[in-house]
């Protein structure tokens, strides 16, 4: 008898966004485009994923994610499932401010954004509790619907960190230790014979890394 098939999740961040939003808190309130390099990264990411066939593709509805997904169109027969609750974090009143501006405007360091999410102190923004309530059901639906299959989850940096936090049961504030680059792949595998305990098999892999600048 063959061993039960594991569930493999490929967590994919969108490609580089247009220059005016680099190091800016844009989140779920700004539906921006990819930069030209972001489109190149998306093509490299799609090329890598075509060599690792998936049974389903789940994605955020936001434009930068759909543009990252576009090069896979026509090369992947897997069904597409748009999950609106996989959109990026709502940064509330931080939206539109650059990382360097946050200290002057709000008296906080941009590097502490996860701590402020956990504490719920981003003015009119989503707290970690809000995010878990929104994204948690998505995780459960994916694991239930696609058990024993390979699933590509196209989303955002904040969402990849939250998904890892939920799957690994690690506090969100610790997720700052993991870099999640543009157009990166993080693979999590749940093996039935190991009690479906999530295992990280690939972290922040960037298929586009050798592209010329």
C-alpha atoms as a PDB file:
ATOM      1  CA  UNK A   1       0.000   0.000   0.000  1.00  0.00           C
ATOM      2  CA  UNK A   2       1.362   3.408  -0.960  1.00  0.00           C
ATOM      3  CA  UNK A   3       1.882   6.091   1.666  1.00  0.00           C
ATOM      4  CA  UNK A   4      -0.831   8.775   2.009  1.00  0.00           C
ATOM      5  CA  UNK A   5      -0.216  11.755  -0.248  1.00  0.00           C
ATOM      6  CA  UNK A   6       0.982  14.932   1.505  1.00  0.00           C
ATOM      7  CA  UNK A   7      -0.632  18.315   1.011  1.00  0.00           C
ATOM      8  CA  UNK A   8       1.876  20.780  -0.460  1.00  0.00           C
ATOM      9  CA  UNK A   9       1.309  24.516  -0.286  1.00  0.00           C
ATOM     10  CA  UNK A  10       3.417  26.792  -2.476  1.00  0.00           C
ATOM     11  CA  UNK A  11       3.091  30.255  -0.918  1.00  0.00           C
ATOM     12  CA  UNK A  12       3.959  32.787  -3.622  1.00  0.00           C
ATOM     13  CA  UNK A  13       4.402  36.511  -3.137  1.00  0.00           C
ATOM     14  CA  UNK A  14       3.616  38.864  -6.013  1.00  0.00           C
ATOM     15  CA  UNK A  15       6.402  40.483  -8.045  1.00  0.00           C
ATOM     16  CA  UNK A  16       8.013  43.878  -7.504  1.00  0.00           C
ATOM     17  CA  UNK A  17       5.504  46.734  -7.548  1.00  0.00           C
ATOM     18  CA  UNK A  18       5.748  50.064  -9.350  1.00  0.00           C
ATOM     19  CA  UNK A  19       8.585  52.262  -8.077  1.00  0.00           C
ATOM     20  CA  UNK A  20       6.463  54.889  -6.337  1.00  0.00           C
ATOM     21  CA  UNK A  21       5.291  52.259  -3.833  1.00  0.00           C
ATOM     22  CA  UNK A  22       8.713  50.898  -2.881  1.00  0.00           C
ATOM     23  CA  UNK A  23       9.106  50.905   0.917  1.00  0.00           C
ATOM     24  CA  UNK A  24       5.674  52.483   1.276  1.00  0.00           C
ATOM     25  CA  UNK A  25       2.845  51.128   3.400  1.00  0.00           C
ATOM     26  CA  UNK A  26       0.266  50.492   0.693  1.00  0.00           C
ATOM     27  CA  UNK A  27      -1.313  47.226   1.810  1.00  0.00           C
ATOM     28  CA  UNK A  28      -4.865  46.338   0.952  1.00  0.00           C
ATOM     29  CA  UNK A  29      -6.037  49.886   0.273  1.00  0.00           C
ATOM     30  CA  UNK A  30      -3.863  50.486  -2.824  1.00  0.00           C
ATOM     31  CA  UNK A  31      -4.436  48.281  -5.875  1.00  0.00           C
ATOM     32  CA  UNK A  32      -1.136  48.980  -7.616  1.00  0.00           C
ATOM     33  CA  UNK A  33       0.541  47.513 -10.694  1.00  0.00           C
ATOM     34  CA  UNK A  34       3.751  45.541 -11.010  1.00  0.00           C
ATOM     35  CA  UNK A  35       6.899  47.305 -12.199  1.00  0.00           C
ATOM     36  CA  UNK A  36       8.567  46.151 -15.456  1.00  0.00           C
ATOM     37  CA  UNK A  37      10.970  44.105 -13.322  1.00  0.00           C
ATOM     38  CA  UNK A  38       8.010  42.698 -11.432  1.00  0.00           C
ATOM     39  CA  UNK A  39       6.617  41.352 -14.695  1.00  0.00           C
ATOM     40  CA  UNK A  40       9.988  39.731 -15.432  1.00  0.00           C
ATOM     41  CA  UNK A  41       9.980  38.175 -11.977  1.00  0.00           C
ATOM     42  CA  UNK A  42       6.444  36.903 -12.568  1.00  0.00           C
ATOM     43  CA  UNK A  43       7.539  35.160 -15.757  1.00  0.00           C
ATOM     44  CA  UNK A  44      10.461  33.515 -13.954  1.00  0.00           C
ATOM     45  CA  UNK A  45       8.171  32.436 -11.120  1.00  0.00           C
ATOM     46  CA  UNK A  46       5.671  30.944 -13.583  1.00  0.00           C
ATOM     47  CA  UNK A  47       8.502  29.097 -15.349  1.00  0.00           C
ATOM     48  CA  UNK A  48       9.582  27.542 -12.057  1.00  0.00           C
ATOM     49  CA  UNK A  49       6.015  26.585 -11.120  1.00  0.00           C
ATOM     50  CA  UNK A  50       5.426  24.892 -14.480  1.00  0.00           C
ATOM     51  CA  UNK A  51       8.209  22.486 -13.504  1.00  0.00           C
ATOM     52  CA  UNK A  52       6.401  21.779 -10.219  1.00  0.00           C
ATOM     53  CA  UNK A  53       2.827  21.010 -11.337  1.00  0.00           C
ATOM     54  CA  UNK A  54      -0.016  22.011  -9.052  1.00  0.00           C
ATOM     55  CA  UNK A  55      -3.571  20.737  -8.782  1.00  0.00           C
ATOM     56  CA  UNK A  56      -5.120  24.085  -7.883  1.00  0.00           C
ATOM     57  CA  UNK A  57      -4.272  27.790  -7.804  1.00  0.00           C
ATOM     58  CA  UNK A  58      -5.645  30.059  -5.081  1.00  0.00           C
ATOM     59  CA  UNK A  59      -5.090  33.809  -5.241  1.00  0.00           C
ATOM     60  CA  UNK A  60      -5.757  37.227  -3.769  1.00  0.00           C
ATOM     61  CA  UNK A  61      -8.007  39.424  -5.924  1.00  0.00           C
ATOM     62  CA  UNK A  62      -5.546  42.340  -5.972  1.00  0.00           C
ATOM     63  CA  UNK A  63      -4.088  43.564  -9.256  1.00  0.00           C
ATOM     64  CA  UNK A  64      -0.433  42.987  -8.417  1.00  0.00           C
ATOM     65  CA  UNK A  65      -1.198  39.365  -7.584  1.00  0.00           C
ATOM     66  CA  UNK A  66      -3.310  38.783 -10.697  1.00  0.00           C
ATOM     67  CA  UNK A  67      -0.521  40.289 -12.839  1.00  0.00           C
ATOM     68  CA  UNK A  68       1.998  37.949 -11.178  1.00  0.00           C
ATOM     69  CA  UNK A  69      -0.277  35.023 -11.928  1.00  0.00           C
ATOM     70  CA  UNK A  70      -0.862  36.045 -15.565  1.00  0.00           C
ATOM     71  CA  UNK A  71       2.222  34.313 -17.127  1.00  0.00           C
ATOM     72  CA  UNK A  72       0.918  30.994 -15.805  1.00  0.00           C
ATOM     73  CA  UNK A  73      -2.302  31.389 -17.804  1.00  0.00           C
ATOM     74  CA  UNK A  74      -2.485  28.858 -20.626  1.00  0.00           C
ATOM     75  CA  UNK A  75       0.328  26.785 -19.118  1.00  0.00           C
ATOM     76  CA  UNK A  76      -1.560  25.448 -16.120  1.00  0.00           C
ATOM     77  CA  UNK A  77      -4.783  23.460 -16.322  1.00  0.00           C
ATOM     78  CA  UNK A  78      -5.402  23.687 -12.566  1.00  0.00           C
ATOM     79  CA  UNK A  79      -8.608  25.461 -11.514  1.00  0.00           C
ATOM     80  CA  UNK A  80      -8.302  29.033 -10.190  1.00  0.00           C
ATOM     81  CA  UNK A  81      -9.961  29.977  -6.904  1.00  0.00           C
ATOM     82  CA  UNK A  82      -9.982  33.691  -6.029  1.00  0.00           C
ATOM     83  CA  UNK A  83     -10.173  34.254  -2.269  1.00  0.00           C
ATOM     84  CA  UNK A  84     -11.005  37.855  -1.437  1.00  0.00           C
ATOM     85  CA  UNK A  85      -9.853  37.403   2.158  1.00  0.00           C
ATOM     86  CA  UNK A  86      -6.272  36.800   0.942  1.00  0.00           C
ATOM     87  CA  UNK A  87      -5.912  40.507   0.084  1.00  0.00           C
ATOM     88  CA  UNK A  88      -3.025  42.345   1.777  1.00  0.00           C
ATOM     89  CA  UNK A  89      -3.108  43.864   5.270  1.00  0.00           C
ATOM     90  CA  UNK A  90      -5.078  47.099   5.696  1.00  0.00           C
ATOM     91  CA  UNK A  91      -2.556  49.543   7.142  1.00  0.00           C
ATOM     92  CA  UNK A  92      -5.169  52.142   7.996  1.00  0.00           C
ATOM     93  CA  UNK A  93      -3.732  55.636   8.494  1.00  0.00           C
ATOM     94  CA  UNK A  94      -0.229  54.382   7.712  1.00  0.00           C
ATOM     95  CA  UNK A  95      -1.317  53.871   4.094  1.00  0.00           C
ATOM     96  CA  UNK A  96       0.718  55.950   1.663  1.00  0.00           C
ATOM     97  CA  UNK A  97       3.533  56.761   4.083  1.00  0.00           C
ATOM     98  CA  UNK A  98       7.087  55.663   3.366  1.00  0.00           C
ATOM     99  CA  UNK A  99       9.058  53.670   5.881  1.00  0.00           C
ATOM    100  CA  UNK A 100      11.276  56.660   6.641  1.00  0.00           C
ATOM    101  CA  UNK A 101       8.265  58.950   7.149  1.00  0.00           C
ATOM    102  CA  UNK A 102       6.519  56.796   9.722  1.00  0.00           C
ATOM    103  CA  UNK A 103       8.710  57.924  12.629  1.00  0.00           C
ATOM    104  CA  UNK A 104       8.006  61.618  12.032  1.00  0.00           C
ATOM    105  CA  UNK A 105       4.281  61.155  11.458  1.00  0.00           C
ATOM    106  CA  UNK A 106       3.370  58.477  14.013  1.00  0.00           C
ATOM    107  CA  UNK A 107       6.437  58.166  16.263  1.00  0.00           C
ATOM    108  CA  UNK A 108       6.982  54.484  15.417  1.00  0.00           C
ATOM    109  CA  UNK A 109       9.601  52.479  13.573  1.00  0.00           C
ATOM    110  CA  UNK A 110       8.509  50.810  10.354  1.00  0.00           C
ATOM    111  CA  UNK A 111      10.493  47.761  11.407  1.00  0.00           C
ATOM    112  CA  UNK A 112       8.052  47.240  14.298  1.00  0.00           C
ATOM    113  CA  UNK A 113       4.996  46.884  12.058  1.00  0.00           C
ATOM    114  CA  UNK A 114       4.292  43.303  13.125  1.00  0.00           C
ATOM    115  CA  UNK A 115       4.419  44.290  16.794  1.00  0.00           C
ATOM    116  CA  UNK A 116       1.939  47.100  16.132  1.00  0.00           C
ATOM    117  CA  UNK A 117      -0.335  44.714  14.244  1.00  0.00           C
ATOM    118  CA  UNK A 118      -0.267  42.279  17.155  1.00  0.00           C
ATOM    119  CA  UNK A 119      -1.021  45.073  19.623  1.00  0.00           C
ATOM    120  CA  UNK A 120      -3.735  46.550  17.377  1.00  0.00           C
ATOM    121  CA  UNK A 121      -2.104  49.994  17.451  1.00  0.00           C
ATOM    122  CA  UNK A 122      -2.081  50.836  13.727  1.00  0.00           C
ATOM    123  CA  UNK A 123      -4.633  53.691  13.584  1.00  0.00           C
ATOM    124  CA  UNK A 124      -7.761  52.467  11.770  1.00  0.00           C
ATOM    125  CA  UNK A 125      -5.781  49.494  10.472  1.00  0.00           C
ATOM    126  CA  UNK A 126      -6.219  45.774  10.855  1.00  0.00           C
ATOM    127  CA  UNK A 127      -4.940  44.110  13.981  1.00  0.00           C
ATOM    128  CA  UNK A 128      -3.397  40.646  14.049  1.00  0.00           C
ATOM    129  CA  UNK A 129      -6.647  39.357  15.554  1.00  0.00           C
ATOM    130  CA  UNK A 130      -8.571  40.873  12.640  1.00  0.00           C
ATOM    131  CA  UNK A 131      -6.164  39.245  10.201  1.00  0.00           C
ATOM    132  CA  UNK A 132      -6.373  35.836  11.825  1.00  0.00           C
ATOM    133  CA  UNK A 133     -10.172  36.028  11.752  1.00  0.00           C
ATOM    134  CA  UNK A 134     -10.070  36.921   8.049  1.00  0.00           C
ATOM    135  CA  UNK A 135      -7.324  34.634   6.773  1.00  0.00           C
ATOM    136  CA  UNK A 136      -7.703  31.680   9.157  1.00  0.00           C
ATOM    137  CA  UNK A 137     -10.848  30.377   7.436  1.00  0.00           C
ATOM    138  CA  UNK A 138      -9.028  30.587   4.075  1.00  0.00           C
ATOM    139  CA  UNK A 139      -6.301  28.276   5.410  1.00  0.00           C
ATOM    140  CA  UNK A 140      -8.877  25.787   6.672  1.00  0.00           C
ATOM    141  CA  UNK A 141     -10.787  25.860   3.393  1.00  0.00           C
ATOM    142  CA  UNK A 142      -7.613  25.287   1.370  1.00  0.00           C
ATOM    143  CA  UNK A 143      -6.503  22.372   3.554  1.00  0.00           C
ATOM    144  CA  UNK A 144      -9.983  20.835   3.510  1.00  0.00           C
ATOM    145  CA  UNK A 145     -10.705  21.295  -0.200  1.00  0.00           C
ATOM    146  CA  UNK A 146      -7.257  20.369  -1.509  1.00  0.00           C
ATOM    147  CA  UNK A 147      -6.133  17.718   0.986  1.00  0.00           C
ATOM    148  CA  UNK A 148      -3.439  15.500  -0.518  1.00  0.00           C
ATOM    149  CA  UNK A 149      -2.823  17.867  -3.433  1.00  0.00           C
ATOM    150  CA  UNK A 150      -0.355  20.529  -4.535  1.00  0.00           C
ATOM    151  CA  UNK A 151      -1.715  24.055  -4.239  1.00  0.00           C
ATOM    152  CA  UNK A 152      -0.210  27.363  -5.399  1.00  0.00           C
ATOM    153  CA  UNK A 153      -1.286  30.268  -3.171  1.00  0.00           C
ATOM    154  CA  UNK A 154      -0.538  33.597  -4.880  1.00  0.00           C
ATOM    155  CA  UNK A 155      -0.737  36.426  -2.366  1.00  0.00           C
ATOM    156  CA  UNK A 156       1.248  39.114  -0.475  1.00  0.00           C
ATOM    157  CA  UNK A 157       4.226  39.410   1.854  1.00  0.00           C
ATOM    158  CA  UNK A 158       2.073  40.144   4.900  1.00  0.00           C
ATOM    159  CA  UNK A 159      -0.243  37.267   4.055  1.00  0.00           C
ATOM    160  CA  UNK A 160       2.615  34.780   3.550  1.00  0.00           C
ATOM    161  CA  UNK A 161       3.896  35.688   7.017  1.00  0.00           C
ATOM    162  CA  UNK A 162       0.437  35.304   8.510  1.00  0.00           C
ATOM    163  CA  UNK A 163      -0.086  31.942   6.781  1.00  0.00           C
ATOM    164  CA  UNK A 164       3.219  30.701   8.203  1.00  0.00           C
ATOM    165  CA  UNK A 165       2.237  32.002  11.623  1.00  0.00           C
ATOM    166  CA  UNK A 166      -1.076  30.135  11.475  1.00  0.00           C
ATOM    167  CA  UNK A 167       0.311  26.912  10.026  1.00  0.00           C
ATOM    168  CA  UNK A 168       3.358  26.702  12.302  1.00  0.00           C
ATOM    169  CA  UNK A 169       1.597  28.145  15.364  1.00  0.00           C
ATOM    170  CA  UNK A 170       4.346  30.720  15.791  1.00  0.00           C
ATOM    171  CA  UNK A 171       3.494  34.250  17.028  1.00  0.00           C
ATOM    172  CA  UNK A 172       3.119  36.724  14.189  1.00  0.00           C
ATOM    173  CA  UNK A 173       5.659  39.028  15.839  1.00  0.00           C
ATOM    174  CA  UNK A 174       8.334  36.374  15.183  1.00  0.00           C
ATOM    175  CA  UNK A 175       7.644  36.340  11.447  1.00  0.00           C
ATOM    176  CA  UNK A 176       9.903  39.361  10.939  1.00  0.00           C
ATOM    177  CA  UNK A 177      12.775  36.870  11.144  1.00  0.00           C
ATOM    178  CA  UNK A 178      11.712  35.484   7.763  1.00  0.00           C
ATOM    179  CA  UNK A 179      12.428  37.538   4.660  1.00  0.00           C
ATOM    180  CA  UNK A 180       9.665  37.187   2.067  1.00  0.00           C
ATOM    181  CA  UNK A 181      10.992  38.701  -1.148  1.00  0.00           C
ATOM    182  CA  UNK A 182       9.042  39.737  -4.212  1.00  0.00           C
ATOM    183  CA  UNK A 183       8.073  36.749  -6.401  1.00  0.00           C
ATOM    184  CA  UNK A 184       9.381  34.277  -3.837  1.00  0.00           C
ATOM    185  CA  UNK A 185       8.313  30.695  -3.137  1.00  0.00           C
ATOM    186  CA  UNK A 186       7.835  29.259   0.341  1.00  0.00           C
ATOM    187  CA  UNK A 187       6.783  25.604   0.391  1.00  0.00           C
ATOM    188  CA  UNK A 188       4.978  24.022   3.326  1.00  0.00           C
ATOM    189  CA  UNK A 189       4.178  20.310   3.366  1.00  0.00           C
ATOM    190  CA  UNK A 190       1.692  18.459   5.587  1.00  0.00           C
ATOM    191  CA  UNK A 191       2.308  14.703   5.662  1.00  0.00           C
ATOM    192  CA  UNK A 192      -0.553  12.494   6.929  1.00  0.00           C
ATOM    193  CA  UNK A 193       1.705   9.838   8.452  1.00  0.00           C
ATOM    194  CA  UNK A 194       3.441  12.576  10.459  1.00  0.00           C
ATOM    195  CA  UNK A 195       0.144  13.781  11.870  1.00  0.00           C
ATOM    196  CA  UNK A 196      -0.230  16.603   9.314  1.00  0.00           C
ATOM    197  CA  UNK A 197       2.350  18.642  11.206  1.00  0.00           C
ATOM    198  CA  UNK A 198       3.444  21.394   8.785  1.00  0.00           C
ATOM    199  CA  UNK A 199       7.053  21.241   7.573  1.00  0.00           C
ATOM    200  CA  UNK A 200       8.769  24.094   5.748  1.00  0.00           C
ATOM    201  CA  UNK A 201      10.572  22.557   2.768  1.00  0.00           C
ATOM    202  CA  UNK A 202      11.513  25.792   0.972  1.00  0.00           C
ATOM    203  CA  UNK A 203      11.732  29.341   2.340  1.00  0.00           C
ATOM    204  CA  UNK A 204      11.897  32.563   0.320  1.00  0.00           C
ATOM    205  CA  UNK A 205      13.251  30.907  -2.836  1.00  0.00           C
ATOM    206  CA  UNK A 206      13.503  33.451  -5.681  1.00  0.00           C
ATOM    207  CA  UNK A 207      13.590  31.852  -9.170  1.00  0.00           C
ATOM    208  CA  UNK A 208      14.294  35.258 -10.737  1.00  0.00           C
ATOM    209  CA  UNK A 209      17.482  35.938  -8.732  1.00  0.00           C
ATOM    210  CA  UNK A 210      19.784  35.594 -11.779  1.00  0.00           C
ATOM    211  CA  UNK A 211      17.836  38.044 -13.929  1.00  0.00           C
ATOM    212  CA  UNK A 212      19.930  41.051 -15.033  1.00  0.00           C
ATOM    213  CA  UNK A 213      19.272  44.282 -13.163  1.00  0.00           C
END
